[in-house]
């Protein structure tokens, strides 16, 4: 059985010599449009250097 888990992107960045990590929760990949939202978020963060 597939669960409706939420997708999450983990963003790592350096701030003043310290490596930080932030999690961005997204809609589940199993919901309508979830995969599209995930791909757009990945592209948006990649464009900004994350």
N, C-alpha and C. Protein backbone atom coordinates (compact mmCIF):
# COMPACT_ATOMS: atom_id res chain seq x y z
N UNK A 1 0.84 -1.18 0.00
CA UNK A 1 0.00 0.00 0.00
C UNK A 1 0.88 1.24 0.00
N UNK A 2 0.59 2.18 -0.90
CA UNK A 2 1.34 3.43 -0.96
C UNK A 2 0.79 4.41 0.07
N UNK A 3 1.67 5.03 0.80
CA UNK A 3 1.25 6.07 1.73
C UNK A 3 1.32 7.43 1.05
N UNK A 4 0.62 8.37 1.59
CA UNK A 4 0.67 9.72 1.06
C UNK A 4 1.69 10.54 1.83
N UNK A 5 2.94 10.16 1.71
CA UNK A 5 3.99 10.89 2.39
C UNK A 5 4.29 12.17 1.65
N UNK A 6 4.80 13.12 2.35
CA UNK A 6 5.12 14.41 1.75
C UNK A 6 6.55 14.38 1.21
N UNK A 7 6.71 14.96 0.05
CA UNK A 7 8.04 15.11 -0.53
C UNK A 7 8.77 16.21 0.24
N UNK A 8 10.07 16.08 0.28
CA UNK A 8 10.85 17.08 0.99
C UNK A 8 12.15 17.32 0.25
N UNK A 9 12.48 18.58 0.06
CA UNK A 9 13.78 18.95 -0.47
C UNK A 9 14.64 19.38 0.71
N UNK A 10 15.89 18.95 0.72
CA UNK A 10 16.82 19.37 1.76
C UNK A 10 17.82 20.31 1.09
N UNK A 11 17.81 21.56 1.54
CA UNK A 11 18.68 22.60 0.97
C UNK A 11 19.86 22.80 1.91
N UNK A 12 21.06 22.67 1.37
CA UNK A 12 22.27 22.91 2.16
C UNK A 12 22.95 24.16 1.61
N UNK A 13 23.39 25.02 2.53
CA UNK A 13 24.08 26.24 2.12
C UNK A 13 25.07 26.64 3.19
N UNK A 14 25.99 27.52 2.84
CA UNK A 14 27.00 28.00 3.77
C UNK A 14 26.68 29.44 4.15
N UNK A 15 26.71 29.72 5.44
CA UNK A 15 26.43 31.06 5.95
C UNK A 15 27.52 31.41 6.96
N UNK A 16 28.41 32.29 6.55
CA UNK A 16 29.48 32.71 7.44
C UNK A 16 30.40 31.57 7.85
N UNK A 17 30.67 30.65 6.94
CA UNK A 17 31.56 29.54 7.22
C UNK A 17 30.88 28.34 7.86
N UNK A 18 29.61 28.47 8.17
CA UNK A 18 28.86 27.37 8.77
C UNK A 18 27.93 26.76 7.73
N UNK A 19 27.93 25.44 7.63
CA UNK A 19 27.03 24.77 6.71
C UNK A 19 25.67 24.61 7.40
N UNK A 20 24.63 25.11 6.73
CA UNK A 20 23.28 25.04 7.27
C UNK A 20 22.42 24.14 6.39
N UNK A 21 21.33 23.66 6.97
CA UNK A 21 20.44 22.77 6.24
C UNK A 21 19.00 23.19 6.54
N UNK A 22 18.19 23.31 5.50
CA UNK A 22 16.77 23.62 5.65
C UNK A 22 15.97 22.59 4.87
N UNK A 23 14.83 22.23 5.42
CA UNK A 23 13.94 21.28 4.75
C UNK A 23 12.72 22.03 4.23
N UNK A 24 12.35 21.75 2.99
CA UNK A 24 11.18 22.36 2.37
C UNK A 24 10.19 21.24 2.08
N UNK A 25 9.05 21.26 2.77
CA UNK A 25 8.02 20.26 2.55
C UNK A 25 7.16 20.63 1.35
N UNK A 26 6.87 19.65 0.54
CA UNK A 26 6.08 19.83 -0.68
C UNK A 26 4.92 18.84 -0.66
N UNK A 27 3.95 19.03 -1.55
CA UNK A 27 2.86 18.05 -1.64
C UNK A 27 3.41 16.66 -2.00
N UNK A 28 2.69 15.64 -1.63
CA UNK A 28 3.09 14.28 -1.95
C UNK A 28 3.20 14.09 -3.45
N UNK A 29 4.15 13.28 -3.87
CA UNK A 29 4.30 12.96 -5.30
C UNK A 29 3.09 12.18 -5.82
N UNK A 30 2.32 11.59 -4.92
CA UNK A 30 1.17 10.79 -5.32
C UNK A 30 -0.11 11.60 -5.48
N UNK A 31 -0.08 12.89 -5.14
CA UNK A 31 -1.26 13.73 -5.31
C UNK A 31 -1.26 14.32 -6.72
N UNK A 32 -2.38 14.84 -7.12
CA UNK A 32 -2.50 15.45 -8.44
C UNK A 32 -1.54 16.64 -8.55
N UNK A 33 -0.63 16.58 -9.49
CA UNK A 33 0.32 17.66 -9.71
C UNK A 33 1.51 17.67 -8.76
N UNK A 34 1.60 16.71 -7.87
CA UNK A 34 2.68 16.69 -6.88
C UNK A 34 4.06 16.58 -7.51
N UNK A 35 4.18 15.76 -8.54
CA UNK A 35 5.48 15.58 -9.19
C UNK A 35 5.91 16.86 -9.90
N UNK A 36 4.96 17.56 -10.50
CA UNK A 36 5.26 18.82 -11.19
C UNK A 36 5.75 19.87 -10.19
N UNK A 37 5.08 19.96 -9.05
CA UNK A 37 5.49 20.92 -8.01
C UNK A 37 6.90 20.61 -7.54
N UNK A 38 7.20 19.34 -7.33
CA UNK A 38 8.53 18.91 -6.88
C UNK A 38 9.60 19.32 -7.89
N UNK A 39 9.34 19.04 -9.16
CA UNK A 39 10.32 19.38 -10.21
C UNK A 39 10.52 20.88 -10.31
N UNK A 40 9.45 21.65 -10.23
CA UNK A 40 9.57 23.12 -10.29
C UNK A 40 10.38 23.65 -9.12
N UNK A 41 10.15 23.11 -7.94
CA UNK A 41 10.90 23.55 -6.76
C UNK A 41 12.38 23.23 -6.91
N UNK A 42 12.70 22.03 -7.39
CA UNK A 42 14.11 21.68 -7.63
C UNK A 42 14.76 22.65 -8.59
N UNK A 43 14.09 22.95 -9.68
CA UNK A 43 14.64 23.87 -10.69
C UNK A 43 14.83 25.27 -10.11
N UNK A 44 13.85 25.74 -9.34
CA UNK A 44 13.93 27.09 -8.77
C UNK A 44 15.12 27.23 -7.83
N UNK A 45 15.32 26.24 -6.96
CA UNK A 45 16.47 26.30 -6.05
C UNK A 45 17.79 26.15 -6.81
N UNK A 46 17.83 25.30 -7.82
CA UNK A 46 19.05 25.11 -8.62
C UNK A 46 19.42 26.40 -9.34
N UNK A 47 18.43 27.09 -9.89
CA UNK A 47 18.69 28.37 -10.58
C UNK A 47 19.31 29.39 -9.66
N UNK A 48 19.00 29.30 -8.37
CA UNK A 48 19.50 30.27 -7.40
C UNK A 48 20.76 29.79 -6.70
N UNK A 49 21.29 28.65 -7.15
CA UNK A 49 22.56 28.18 -6.62
C UNK A 49 22.49 27.33 -5.36
N UNK A 50 21.30 26.82 -5.05
CA UNK A 50 21.16 25.97 -3.87
C UNK A 50 21.19 24.53 -4.26
